[in-house]
C-alpha atoms as a PDB file:
ATOM      1  CA  MET A   1      81.521  82.971  92.512  1.00  0.00           C
ATOM      2  CA  LYS A   2      81.797  81.770  96.083  1.00  0.00           C
ATOM      3  CA  TYR A   3      82.167  84.086  99.056  1.00  0.00           C
ATOM      4  CA  ARG A   4      84.064  83.703 102.302  1.00  0.00           C
ATOM      5  CA  GLN A   5      83.676  85.575 105.571  1.00  0.00           C
ATOM      6  CA  LEU A   6      86.510  87.985 106.326  1.00  0.00           C
ATOM      7  CA  GLY A   7      87.570  86.659 109.707  1.00  0.00           C
ATOM      8  CA  ASN A   8      84.815  87.239 112.250  1.00  0.00           C
ATOM      9  CA  THR A   9      83.606  90.446 110.593  1.00  0.00           C
ATOM     10  CA  GLU A  10      80.289  90.877 108.831  1.00  0.00           C
ATOM     11  CA  LEU A  11      82.018  91.181 105.442  1.00  0.00           C
ATOM     12  CA  GLU A  12      81.537  88.394 102.898  1.00  0.00           C
ATOM     13  CA  VAL A  13      84.078  88.747 100.077  1.00  0.00           C
ATOM     14  CA  SER A  14      84.534  86.908  96.804  1.00  0.00           C
ATOM     15  CA  GLU A  15      87.091  84.120  97.243  1.00  0.00           C
ATOM     16  CA  LEU A  16      88.824  85.362  94.116  1.00  0.00           C
ATOM     17  CA  SER A  17      89.165  89.121  94.295  1.00  0.00           C
ATOM     18  CA  PHE A  18      91.709  91.430  92.701  1.00  0.00           C
ATOM     19  CA  GLY A  19      94.658  93.574  93.643  1.00  0.00           C
ATOM     20  CA  THR A  20      95.230  96.806  91.733  1.00  0.00           C
ATOM     21  CA  TRP A  21      98.954  97.505  91.934  1.00  0.00           C
ATOM     22  CA  ALA A  22      99.378  96.682  88.241  1.00  0.00           C
ATOM     23  CA  ILE A  23      96.751  99.141  87.004  1.00  0.00           C
ATOM     24  CA  GLY A  24      98.268 101.899  89.116  1.00  0.00           C
ATOM     25  CA  GLY A  25     101.826 101.470  87.878  1.00  0.00           C
ATOM     26  CA  ALA A  26     105.207  99.764  88.427  1.00  0.00           C
ATOM     27  CA  TRP A  27     104.240  96.827  86.186  1.00  0.00           C
ATOM     28  CA  GLY A  28     105.123  98.393  82.856  1.00  0.00           C
ATOM     29  CA  ALA A  29     102.744 100.251  80.573  1.00  0.00           C
ATOM     30  CA  THR A  30      99.175 100.759  81.750  1.00  0.00           C
ATOM     31  CA  ASN A  31      95.962 101.703  79.962  1.00  0.00           C
ATOM     32  CA  ASP A  32      93.112 103.187  81.977  1.00  0.00           C
ATOM     33  CA  ASN A  33      90.380 102.104  79.580  1.00  0.00           C
ATOM     34  CA  GLU A  34      91.579  98.509  79.679  1.00  0.00           C
ATOM     35  CA  ALA A  35      91.862  98.692  83.466  1.00  0.00           C
ATOM     36  CA  LEU A  36      88.284  99.957  83.798  1.00  0.00           C
ATOM     37  CA  ARG A  37      86.999  97.211  81.501  1.00  0.00           C
ATOM     38  CA  GLY A  38      88.816  94.697  83.674  1.00  0.00           C
ATOM     39  CA  LEU A  39      87.224  96.081  86.836  1.00  0.00           C
ATOM     40  CA  GLU A  40      83.803  95.973  85.214  1.00  0.00           C
ATOM     41  CA  ALA A  41      84.291  92.385  84.017  1.00  0.00           C
ATOM     42  CA  ALA A  42      85.318  91.336  87.512  1.00  0.00           C
ATOM     43  CA  MET A  43      82.236  92.878  89.083  1.00  0.00           C
ATOM     44  CA  ASP A  44      79.983  91.341  86.420  1.00  0.00           C
ATOM     45  CA  ALA A  45      81.404  87.949  87.404  1.00  0.00           C
ATOM     46  CA  GLY A  46      80.533  88.483  91.060  1.00  0.00           C
ATOM     47  CA  VAL A  47      83.781  89.920  92.406  1.00  0.00           C
ATOM     48  CA  ASN A  48      82.857  92.259  95.261  1.00  0.00           C
ATOM     49  CA  PHE A  49      86.254  93.126  96.726  1.00  0.00           C
ATOM     50  CA  PHE A  50      89.294  95.038  95.474  1.00  0.00           C
ATOM     51  CA  ASP A  51      92.575  95.767  97.214  1.00  0.00           C
ATOM     52  CA  THR A  52      94.580  98.909  96.526  1.00  0.00           C
ATOM     53  CA  ALA A  53      97.011 101.337  98.190  1.00  0.00           C
ATOM     54  CA  ASP A  54      97.646 105.059  98.165  1.00  0.00           C
ATOM     55  CA  VAL A  55     101.067 104.542  96.541  1.00  0.00           C
ATOM     56  CA  TYR A  56      99.837 102.494  93.585  1.00  0.00           C
ATOM     57  CA  GLY A  57     100.447 105.017  90.852  1.00  0.00           C
ATOM     58  CA  ASP A  58     100.436 107.770  93.518  1.00  0.00           C
ATOM     59  CA  GLY A  59      96.741 107.159  94.113  1.00  0.00           C
ATOM     60  CA  HIS A  60      95.798 106.435  90.514  1.00  0.00           C
ATOM     61  CA  SER A  61      94.510 102.925  91.198  1.00  0.00           C
ATOM     62  CA  GLU A  62      92.248 104.344  93.915  1.00  0.00           C
ATOM     63  CA  GLU A  63      90.864 106.854  91.417  1.00  0.00           C
ATOM     64  CA  LEU A  64      90.158 104.062  88.916  1.00  0.00           C
ATOM     65  CA  ILE A  65      88.356 101.989  91.554  1.00  0.00           C
ATOM     66  CA  GLY A  66      86.383 105.051  92.584  1.00  0.00           C
ATOM     67  CA  LYS A  67      85.282 105.585  89.001  1.00  0.00           C
ATOM     68  CA  ALA A  68      84.420 101.923  88.399  1.00  0.00           C
ATOM     69  CA  THR A  69      82.447 101.462  91.634  1.00  0.00           C
ATOM     70  CA  LYS A  70      80.571 104.769  91.661  1.00  0.00           C
ATOM     71  CA  GLY A  71      77.028 104.049  92.807  1.00  0.00           C
ATOM     72  CA  LYS A  72      78.005 100.562  93.976  1.00  0.00           C
ATOM     73  CA  GLU A  73      79.643 101.565  97.246  1.00  0.00           C
ATOM     74  CA  ASP A  74      77.274  99.388  99.307  1.00  0.00           C
ATOM     75  CA  LYS A  75      77.892  96.311  97.177  1.00  0.00           C
ATOM     76  CA  ILE A  76      81.590  96.511  96.288  1.00  0.00           C
ATOM     77  CA  HIS A  77      84.057  96.390  99.179  1.00  0.00           C
ATOM     78  CA  VAL A  78      87.389  98.191  98.948  1.00  0.00           C
ATOM     79  CA  ALA A  79      90.563  97.783 100.976  1.00  0.00           C
ATOM     80  CA  SER A  80      93.385 100.279 100.825  1.00  0.00           C
ATOM     81  CA  LYS A  81      96.720 100.722 102.546  1.00  0.00           C
ATOM     82  CA  PHE A  82      98.809 103.545 104.010  1.00  0.00           C
ATOM     83  CA  ALA A  83     102.297 104.413 105.315  1.00  0.00           C
ATOM     84  CA  ARG A  84     104.421 103.904 102.194  1.00  0.00           C
ATOM     85  CA  GLY A  85     103.697 107.475 101.164  1.00  0.00           C
ATOM     86  CA  GLY A  86     105.989 108.548 104.001  1.00  0.00           C
ATOM     87  CA  ASP A  87     109.010 107.204 105.850  1.00  0.00           C
ATOM     88  CA  ILE A  88     107.872 103.816 107.128  1.00  0.00           C
ATOM     89  CA  ASN A  89     110.521 103.888 109.864  1.00  0.00           C
ATOM     90  CA  ASP A  90     109.417 107.257 111.259  1.00  0.00           C
ATOM     91  CA  PRO A  91     106.842 106.989 114.104  1.00  0.00           C
ATOM     92  CA  ASN A  92     105.318 110.279 112.903  1.00  0.00           C
ATOM     93  CA  THR A  93     104.120 108.458 109.773  1.00  0.00           C
ATOM     94  CA  TYR A  94     101.732 106.559 112.048  1.00  0.00           C
ATOM     95  CA  SER A  95     100.520 109.511 114.117  1.00  0.00           C
ATOM     96  CA  LYS A  96      96.836 110.401 114.265  1.00  0.00           C
ATOM     97  CA  GLU A  97      97.445 113.485 112.128  1.00  0.00           C
ATOM     98  CA  SER A  98      99.352 111.566 109.439  1.00  0.00           C
ATOM     99  CA  VAL A  99      97.050 108.566 109.248  1.00  0.00           C
ATOM    100  CA  THR A 100      93.958 110.787 109.147  1.00  0.00           C
ATOM    101  CA  SER A 101      95.519 112.753 106.306  1.00  0.00           C
ATOM    102  CA  TYR A 102      96.338 109.562 104.372  1.00  0.00           C
ATOM    103  CA  LEU A 103      92.824 108.239 104.908  1.00  0.00           C
ATOM    104  CA  ASP A 104      91.076 111.455 103.906  1.00  0.00           C
ATOM    105  CA  ALA A 105      93.069 111.556 100.664  1.00  0.00           C
ATOM    106  CA  THR A 106      92.226 107.920  99.939  1.00  0.00           C
ATOM    107  CA  LEU A 107      88.522 108.448 100.595  1.00  0.00           C
ATOM    108  CA  LYS A 108      88.513 111.473  98.319  1.00  0.00           C
ATOM    109  CA  ARG A 109      90.129 109.533  95.471  1.00  0.00           C
ATOM    110  CA  LEU A 110      87.704 106.643  95.960  1.00  0.00           C
ATOM    111  CA  GLY A 111      84.711 108.966  96.243  1.00  0.00           C
ATOM    112  CA  ARG A 112      83.646 107.269  99.481  1.00  0.00           C
ATOM    113  CA  GLU A 113      82.797 108.382 102.992  1.00  0.00           C
ATOM    114  CA  ARG A 114      83.955 105.146 104.615  1.00  0.00           C
ATOM    115  CA  LEU A 115      86.552 102.510 103.775  1.00  0.00           C
ATOM    116  CA  ASP A 116      85.740  98.839 104.297  1.00  0.00           C
ATOM    117  CA  LEU A 117      89.254  97.769 105.246  1.00  0.00           C
ATOM    118  CA  TYR A 118      92.260  99.998 105.996  1.00  0.00           C
ATOM    119  CA  GLN A 119      95.645  98.299 106.183  1.00  0.00           C
ATOM    120  CA  ILE A 120      99.062  99.395 107.391  1.00  0.00           C
ATOM    121  CA  HIS A 121     101.323  98.885 104.384  1.00  0.00           C
ATOM    122  CA  CYS A 122     104.190  96.590 105.401  1.00  0.00           C
ATOM    123  CA  PRO A 123     105.470  98.501 108.438  1.00  0.00           C
ATOM    124  CA  PRO A 124     108.656  97.573 110.350  1.00  0.00           C
ATOM    125  CA  ILE A 125     108.083  95.210 113.248  1.00  0.00           C
ATOM    126  CA  ASP A 126     109.163  97.915 115.738  1.00  0.00           C
ATOM    127  CA  ILE A 127     106.086  99.933 114.747  1.00  0.00           C
ATOM    128  CA  LEU A 128     103.883  96.899 115.331  1.00  0.00           C
ATOM    129  CA  LYS A 129     105.434  96.180 118.711  1.00  0.00           C
ATOM    130  CA  ASP A 130     104.983  99.802 119.790  1.00  0.00           C
ATOM    131  CA  GLY A 131     101.294  99.503 118.934  1.00  0.00           C
ATOM    132  CA  SER A 132     100.409 103.206 119.010  1.00  0.00           C
ATOM    133  CA  VAL A 133      99.106 103.092 115.429  1.00  0.00           C
ATOM    134  CA  PHE A 134      96.388 100.632 116.429  1.00  0.00           C
ATOM    135  CA  GLN A 135      94.888 103.176 118.816  1.00  0.00           C
ATOM    136  CA  VAL A 136      94.844 105.654 115.929  1.00  0.00           C
ATOM    137  CA  LEU A 137      92.966 103.118 113.822  1.00  0.00           C
ATOM    138  CA  ASP A 138      90.574 102.390 116.692  1.00  0.00           C
ATOM    139  CA  ASP A 139      89.759 106.115 116.810  1.00  0.00           C
ATOM    140  CA  LEU A 140      89.155 106.307 113.051  1.00  0.00           C
ATOM    141  CA  GLN A 141      86.911 103.267 113.299  1.00  0.00           C
ATOM    142  CA  ALA A 142      84.954 104.909 116.120  1.00  0.00           C
ATOM    143  CA  GLN A 143      84.508 107.975 113.906  1.00  0.00           C
ATOM    144  CA  GLY A 144      82.962 105.771 111.209  1.00  0.00           C
ATOM    145  CA  LYS A 145      85.669 106.435 108.616  1.00  0.00           C
ATOM    146  CA  ILE A 146      86.708 102.784 108.431  1.00  0.00           C
ATOM    147  CA  ARG A 147      84.731  99.606 109.026  1.00  0.00           C
ATOM    148  CA  HIS A 148      87.713  97.405 109.862  1.00  0.00           C
ATOM    149  CA  TYR A 149      91.478  97.491 109.782  1.00  0.00           C
ATOM    150  CA  GLY A 150      94.341  95.102 109.176  1.00  0.00           C
ATOM    151  CA  VAL A 151      98.007  94.887 108.275  1.00  0.00           C
ATOM    152  CA  SER A 152      99.909  93.911 105.159  1.00  0.00           C
ATOM    153  CA  VAL A 153     102.997  92.053 106.373  1.00  0.00           C
ATOM    154  CA  GLU A 154     106.213  90.693 104.903  1.00  0.00           C
ATOM    155  CA  THR A 155     107.023  88.004 107.478  1.00  0.00           C
ATOM    156  CA  VAL A 156     105.344  85.396 109.639  1.00  0.00           C
ATOM    157  CA  GLU A 157     106.840  87.071 112.715  1.00  0.00           C
ATOM    158  CA  GLU A 158     105.174  90.378 111.807  1.00  0.00           C
ATOM    159  CA  GLY A 159     101.858  88.629 111.246  1.00  0.00           C
ATOM    160  CA  LEU A 160     101.991  86.913 114.621  1.00  0.00           C
ATOM    161  CA  GLU A 161     102.822  90.243 116.276  1.00  0.00           C
ATOM    162  CA  CYS A 162      99.693  91.792 114.735  1.00  0.00           C
ATOM    163  CA  LEU A 163      97.566  89.076 116.310  1.00  0.00           C
ATOM    164  CA  HIS A 164      98.320  90.571 119.726  1.00  0.00           C
ATOM    165  CA  TYR A 165      95.913  93.409 118.859  1.00  0.00           C
ATOM    166  CA  PRO A 166      92.251  92.312 119.106  1.00  0.00           C
ATOM    167  CA  ASN A 167      90.833  94.717 116.520  1.00  0.00           C
ATOM    168  CA  VAL A 168      93.146  93.605 113.704  1.00  0.00           C
ATOM    169  CA  LYS A 169      90.689  91.782 111.447  1.00  0.00           C
ATOM    170  CA  ALA A 170      92.799  90.967 108.391  1.00  0.00           C
ATOM    171  CA  LEU A 171      96.356  90.099 107.446  1.00  0.00           C
ATOM    172  CA  GLN A 172      97.619  90.435 103.896  1.00  0.00           C
ATOM    173  CA  VAL A 173     100.392  87.965 103.184  1.00  0.00           C
ATOM    174  CA  ILE A 174     102.556  86.784 100.280  1.00  0.00           C
ATOM    175  CA  TYR A 175     101.461  83.196  99.711  1.00  0.00           C
ATOM    176  CA  ASN A 176     101.828  80.916  96.709  1.00  0.00           C
ATOM    177  CA  ILE A 177     103.305  77.556  95.689  1.00  0.00           C
ATOM    178  CA  PHE A 178     106.758  79.139  95.967  1.00  0.00           C
ATOM    179  CA  ARG A 179     105.983  80.757  99.323  1.00  0.00           C
ATOM    180  CA  GLN A 180     104.257  78.259 101.606  1.00  0.00           C
ATOM    181  CA  LYS A 181     105.692  79.148 105.013  1.00  0.00           C
ATOM    182  CA  PRO A 182     102.726  81.303 106.252  1.00  0.00           C
ATOM    183  CA  ALA A 183     100.424  78.276 106.171  1.00  0.00           C
ATOM    184  CA  GLU A 184     102.434  76.468 108.857  1.00  0.00           C
ATOM    185  CA  ARG A 185     101.800  78.686 111.917  1.00  0.00           C
ATOM    186  CA  LEU A 186     100.358  82.035 110.914  1.00  0.00           C
ATOM    187  CA  PHE A 187      97.232  80.944 109.044  1.00  0.00           C
ATOM    188  CA  PRO A 188      95.924  78.531 111.712  1.00  0.00           C
ATOM    189  CA  GLN A 189      96.509  81.063 114.486  1.00  0.00           C
ATOM    190  CA  ALA A 190      94.794  83.833 112.507  1.00  0.00           C
ATOM    191  CA  LYS A 191      91.796  81.595 111.858  1.00  0.00           C
ATOM    192  CA  LYS A 192      91.625  80.676 115.546  1.00  0.00           C
ATOM    193  CA  GLN A 193      91.446  84.392 116.413  1.00  0.00           C
ATOM    194  CA  GLY A 194      88.913  85.275 113.731  1.00  0.00           C
ATOM    195  CA  VAL A 195      91.353  87.164 111.496  1.00  0.00           C
ATOM    196  CA  GLY A 196      90.949  87.022 107.711  1.00  0.00           C
ATOM    197  CA  ILE A 197      93.785  86.200 105.317  1.00  0.00           C
ATOM    198  CA  LEU A 198      94.267  88.027 102.008  1.00  0.00           C
ATOM    199  CA  THR A 199      96.903  86.343  99.841  1.00  0.00           C
ATOM    200  CA  ARG A 200      98.917  88.585  97.545  1.00  0.00           C
ATOM    201  CA  VAL A 201     101.592  87.874  94.881  1.00  0.00           C
ATOM    202  CA  PRO A 202      99.764  84.570  94.183  1.00  0.00           C
ATOM    203  CA  LEU A 203     101.556  84.008  90.877  1.00  0.00           C
ATOM    204  CA  ALA A 204     105.014  85.024  92.155  1.00  0.00           C
ATOM    205  CA  SER A 205     105.065  88.112  89.908  1.00  0.00           C
ATOM    206  CA  GLY A 206     104.193  85.951  86.916  1.00  0.00           C
ATOM    207  CA  LEU A 207     106.638  83.084  87.442  1.00  0.00           C
ATOM    208  CA  LEU A 208     103.730  80.742  88.156  1.00  0.00           C
ATOM    209  CA  THR A 209     102.136  81.484  84.786  1.00  0.00           C
ATOM    210  CA  GLY A 210     104.886  79.389  83.220  1.00  0.00           C
ATOM    211  CA  LYS A 211     105.247  81.972  80.446  1.00  0.00           C
ATOM    212  CA  TYR A 212     108.714  83.322  81.277  1.00  0.00           C
ATOM    213  CA  THR A 213     112.025  82.098  79.953  1.00  0.00           C
ATOM    214  CA  LYS A 214     115.482  82.966  81.229  1.00  0.00           C
ATOM    215  CA  GLU A 215     115.682  85.469  78.371  1.00  0.00           C
ATOM    216  CA  THR A 216     112.482  87.341  79.324  1.00  0.00           C
ATOM    217  CA  THR A 217     113.042  91.061  79.953  1.00  0.00           C
ATOM    218  CA  PHE A 218     110.858  93.694  81.611  1.00  0.00           C
ATOM    219  CA  ALA A 219     110.312  97.419  81.091  1.00  0.00           C
ATOM    220  CA  GLU A 220     112.472  99.899  82.973  1.00  0.00           C
ATOM    221  CA  ASP A 221     109.494 101.070  85.074  1.00  0.00           C
ATOM    222  CA  ASP A 222     108.435  97.490  85.943  1.00  0.00           C
ATOM    223  CA  HIS A 223     109.337  96.339  89.469  1.00  0.00           C
ATOM    224  CA  ARG A 224     110.288  92.976  87.979  1.00  0.00           C
ATOM    225  CA  ASN A 225     113.199  94.924  86.553  1.00  0.00           C
ATOM    226  CA  PHE A 226     114.053  97.580  89.146  1.00  0.00           C
ATOM    227  CA  ASN A 227     113.329  95.478  92.252  1.00  0.00           C
ATOM    228  CA  ARG A 228     114.540  92.115  90.980  1.00  0.00           C
ATOM    229  CA  ASP A 229     117.047  91.836  93.815  1.00  0.00           C
ATOM    230  CA  GLY A 230     115.245  94.005  96.377  1.00  0.00           C
ATOM    231  CA  GLU A 231     116.811  97.308  95.332  1.00  0.00           C
ATOM    232  CA  ALA A 232     113.624  99.367  95.872  1.00  0.00           C
ATOM    233  CA  PHE A 233     111.640  97.446  98.524  1.00  0.00           C
ATOM    234  CA  ASN A 234     111.352  93.977 100.062  1.00  0.00           C
ATOM    235  CA  VAL A 235     112.733  91.391  97.660  1.00  0.00           C
ATOM    236  CA  GLY A 236     109.865  89.030  98.503  1.00  0.00           C
ATOM    237  CA  GLU A 237     107.413  91.280  96.648  1.00  0.00           C
ATOM    238  CA  THR A 238     109.168  90.410  93.377  1.00  0.00           C
ATOM    239  CA  PHE A 239     109.277  86.790  92.194  1.00  0.00           C
ATOM    240  CA  ALA A 240     108.475  85.701  95.794  1.00  0.00           C
ATOM    241  CA  GLY A 241     112.096  86.401  96.712  1.00  0.00           C
ATOM    242  CA  LEU A 242     113.553  83.956  94.212  1.00  0.00           C
ATOM    243  CA  PRO A 243     116.378  84.899  91.825  1.00  0.00           C
ATOM    244  CA  PHE A 244     114.658  85.253  88.443  1.00  0.00           C
ATOM    245  CA  GLN A 245     116.719  82.647  86.618  1.00  0.00           C
ATOM    246  CA  LYS A 246     116.145  80.093  89.386  1.00  0.00           C
ATOM    247  CA  GLY A 247     112.457  80.954  89.482  1.00  0.00           C
ATOM    248  CA  VAL A 248     112.083  80.223  85.777  1.00  0.00           C
ATOM    249  CA  GLU A 249     113.866  76.913  86.252  1.00  0.00           C
ATOM    250  CA  LEU A 250     111.585  75.957  89.150  1.00  0.00           C
ATOM    251  CA  SER A 251     108.422  76.987  87.304  1.00  0.00           C
ATOM    252  CA  THR A 252     109.373  74.746  84.394  1.00  0.00           C
ATOM    253  CA  SER A 253     109.265  71.735  86.683  1.00  0.00           C
ATOM    254  CA  LEU A 254     105.716  72.659  87.762  1.00  0.00           C
ATOM    255  CA  GLN A 255     104.077  72.373  84.348  1.00  0.00           C
ATOM    256  CA  TRP A 256     102.237  69.250  85.521  1.00  0.00           C
ATOM    257  CA  ILE A 257      99.893  71.251  87.777  1.00  0.00           C
ATOM    258  CA  LYS A 258      97.939  72.577  84.783  1.00  0.00           C
ATOM    259  CA  GLU A 259      96.771  69.123  83.681  1.00  0.00           C
ATOM    260  CA  GLU A 260      92.943  69.254  83.662  1.00  0.00           C
ATOM    261  CA  ARG A 261      93.152  72.740  85.206  1.00  0.00           C
ATOM    262  CA  GLY A 262      93.404  74.959  82.139  1.00  0.00           C
ATOM    263  CA  THR A 263      96.509  77.046  82.564  1.00  0.00           C
ATOM    264  CA  MET A 264      99.358  76.954  85.053  1.00  0.00           C
ATOM    265  CA  ALA A 265      98.184  80.298  86.467  1.00  0.00           C
ATOM    266  CA  GLN A 266      94.660  78.985  87.060  1.00  0.00           C
ATOM    267  CA  ALA A 267      96.098  75.914  88.762  1.00  0.00           C
ATOM    268  CA  ALA A 268      98.340  78.064  90.976  1.00  0.00           C
ATOM    269  CA  LEU A 269      95.350  80.154  92.069  1.00  0.00           C
ATOM    270  CA  ARG A 270      93.292  76.995  92.673  1.00  0.00           C
ATOM    271  CA  TRP A 271      96.037  75.684  94.962  1.00  0.00           C
ATOM    272  CA  ILE A 272      95.665  78.773  97.159  1.00  0.00           C
ATOM    273  CA  LEU A 273      91.874  78.552  97.174  1.00  0.00           C
ATOM    274  CA  ASP A 274      92.133  74.946  98.348  1.00  0.00           C
ATOM    275  CA  ASN A 275      93.413  76.256 101.694  1.00  0.00           C
ATOM    276  CA  ASP A 276      90.379  76.846 103.918  1.00  0.00           C
ATOM    277  CA  ASP A 277      92.364  79.241 106.117  1.00  0.00           C
ATOM    278  CA  VAL A 278      92.525  81.716 103.205  1.00  0.00           C
ATOM    279  CA  THR A 279      89.758  84.304 102.888  1.00  0.00           C
ATOM    280  CA  CYS A 280      90.582  85.330  99.349  1.00  0.00           C
ATOM    281  CA  VAL A 281      93.326  85.447  96.758  1.00  0.00           C
ATOM    282  CA  ILE A 282      94.031  88.791  95.062  1.00  0.00           C
ATOM    283  CA  PRO A 283      95.849  88.394  91.733  1.00  0.00           C
ATOM    284  CA  GLY A 284      96.677  91.518  89.795  1.00  0.00           C
ATOM    285  CA  PHE A 285      95.555  92.433  86.304  1.00  0.00           C
ATOM    286  CA  ARG A 286      96.001  95.047  83.612  1.00  0.00           C
ATOM    287  CA  ASN A 287      93.145  94.201  81.253  1.00  0.00           C
ATOM    288  CA  GLU A 288      89.880  92.318  80.857  1.00  0.00           C
ATOM    289  CA  LYS A 289      91.490  89.162  79.478  1.00  0.00           C
ATOM    290  CA  GLN A 290      93.717  88.780  82.526  1.00  0.00           C
ATOM    291  CA  VAL A 291      90.653  89.161  84.745  1.00  0.00           C
ATOM    292  CA  SER A 292      88.726  86.532  82.782  1.00  0.00           C
ATOM    293  CA  ASP A 293      91.653  84.120  82.821  1.00  0.00           C
ATOM    294  CA  SER A 294      92.055  84.418  86.597  1.00  0.00           C
ATOM    295  CA  LEU A 295      88.331  83.980  87.205  1.00  0.00           C
ATOM    296  CA  GLU A 296      88.483  80.519  85.637  1.00  0.00           C
ATOM    297  CA  ALA A 297      90.485  79.358  88.662  1.00  0.00           C
ATOM    298  CA  VAL A 298      87.356  79.131  90.816  1.00  0.00           C
ATOM    299  CA  SER A 299      85.945  76.329  88.653  1.00  0.00           C
ATOM    300  CA  VAL A 300      88.999  74.151  87.926  1.00  0.00           C
ATOM    301  CA  PRO A 301      89.525  70.907  89.919  1.00  0.00           C
ATOM    302  CA  SER A 302      91.079  71.057  93.369  1.00  0.00           C
ATOM    303  CA  PHE A 303      94.382  69.385  94.168  1.00  0.00           C
ATOM    304  CA  SER A 304      94.319  65.889  95.625  1.00  0.00           C
ATOM    305  CA  LYS A 305      96.009  65.110  98.932  1.00  0.00           C
ATOM    306  CA  GLU A 306      98.813  63.365  97.049  1.00  0.00           C
ATOM    307  CA  GLU A 307      99.340  66.369  94.776  1.00  0.00           C
ATOM    308  CA  GLN A 308      99.428  68.721  97.746  1.00  0.00           C
ATOM    309  CA  GLU A 309     102.014  66.545  99.469  1.00  0.00           C
ATOM    310  CA  LYS A 310     104.086  66.536  96.295  1.00  0.00           C
ATOM    311  CA  LEU A 311     104.010  70.351  96.152  1.00  0.00           C
ATOM    312  CA  THR A 312     104.936  70.647  99.828  1.00  0.00           C
ATOM    313  CA  LYS A 313     107.936  68.381  99.274  1.00  0.00           C
ATOM    314  CA  PHE A 314     108.911  70.408  96.187  1.00  0.00           C
ATOM    315  CA  TYR A 315     108.740  73.635  98.183  1.00  0.00           C
ATOM    316  CA  LEU A 316     110.783  72.360 101.120  1.00  0.00           C
ATOM    317  CA  GLU A 317     113.482  70.680  99.061  1.00  0.00           C
ATOM    318  CA  ASP A 318     113.793  72.772  95.895  1.00  0.00           C
ATOM    319  CA  VAL A 319     112.290  76.203  96.547  1.00  0.00           C
ATOM    320  CA  GLU A 320     112.779  77.278 100.162  1.00  0.00           C
ATOM    321  CA  PRO A 321     116.611  77.121 100.110  1.00  0.00           C
ATOM    322  CA  ASN A 322     116.601  79.709  97.285  1.00  0.00           C
ATOM    323  CA  ILE A 323     114.264  82.307  98.830  1.00  0.00           C
ATOM    324  CA  ARG A 324     115.981  85.557  99.772  1.00  0.00           C
ATOM    325  CA  GLY A 325     114.938  88.031 102.450  1.00  0.00           C
ATOM    326  CA  GLY A 326     113.022  87.580 105.661  1.00  0.00           C
ATOM    327  CA  TYR A 327     109.634  85.913 105.397  1.00  0.00           C
END
């Protein structure tokens, strides 16, 4: 496992880390024992960073991480997120009282006294422009409850707005072969300012595994069913904003990327890791096998300049016109 510095902080995190939305819920059936085995396998392989949120299974993923990392708090870094447990449009959600309450509950579930990275969970841009929440986070940092803070954003514009605040140390962004826009302006500017980049939805909700067909169906409690067209939250969080049928069609034409790279999923993760502006990629998982499969991405061959140019052309001509929602 290789490690990359999180912006200009002292944190060194595994370039392939893991997100824990899937083990909390909203991805179909979950199994805690399988989730814990997956977390253990990741740590055994050198993964030292996990991303979660207080709304993943109403805190359940935080509890699982707390259980898996007990006694390893100094070695395993954890990032969590807040705001989605309330009304994200209400300024009171970002008040000192509210944020402190969210943080205390998160720390209790994790069994920790301090959080390594605390992120605002996809807030509206008006909240970012107001900026009051950053003073709240500065205060919590001064109290020693958080080491650093950042923002999970939906759009490039939101990410650039966050960079106006000097103590923002990380941005979490949707980035994958189907979602290349952040690399144009946001990533270079973040790197210039010493801000780390965490890339989420790296497999476009599974489209970039190449395993789906147009007939594939998902469980009722799976966001790939109930948020397919953005009915519950930002459409970009599901299939990278692509209509499912079109996404399957596009993924079929990408089968070539897996040549000499194991699986299509491993190749898709490798493509992200090839970008030096990225701190780490955080695929999800539900069991040990999915963890092991993703970990293989760190050792498969990188993409050549010609292959990268081919994928950029594919994105601009075939993918971008089909993406829905702001990004």
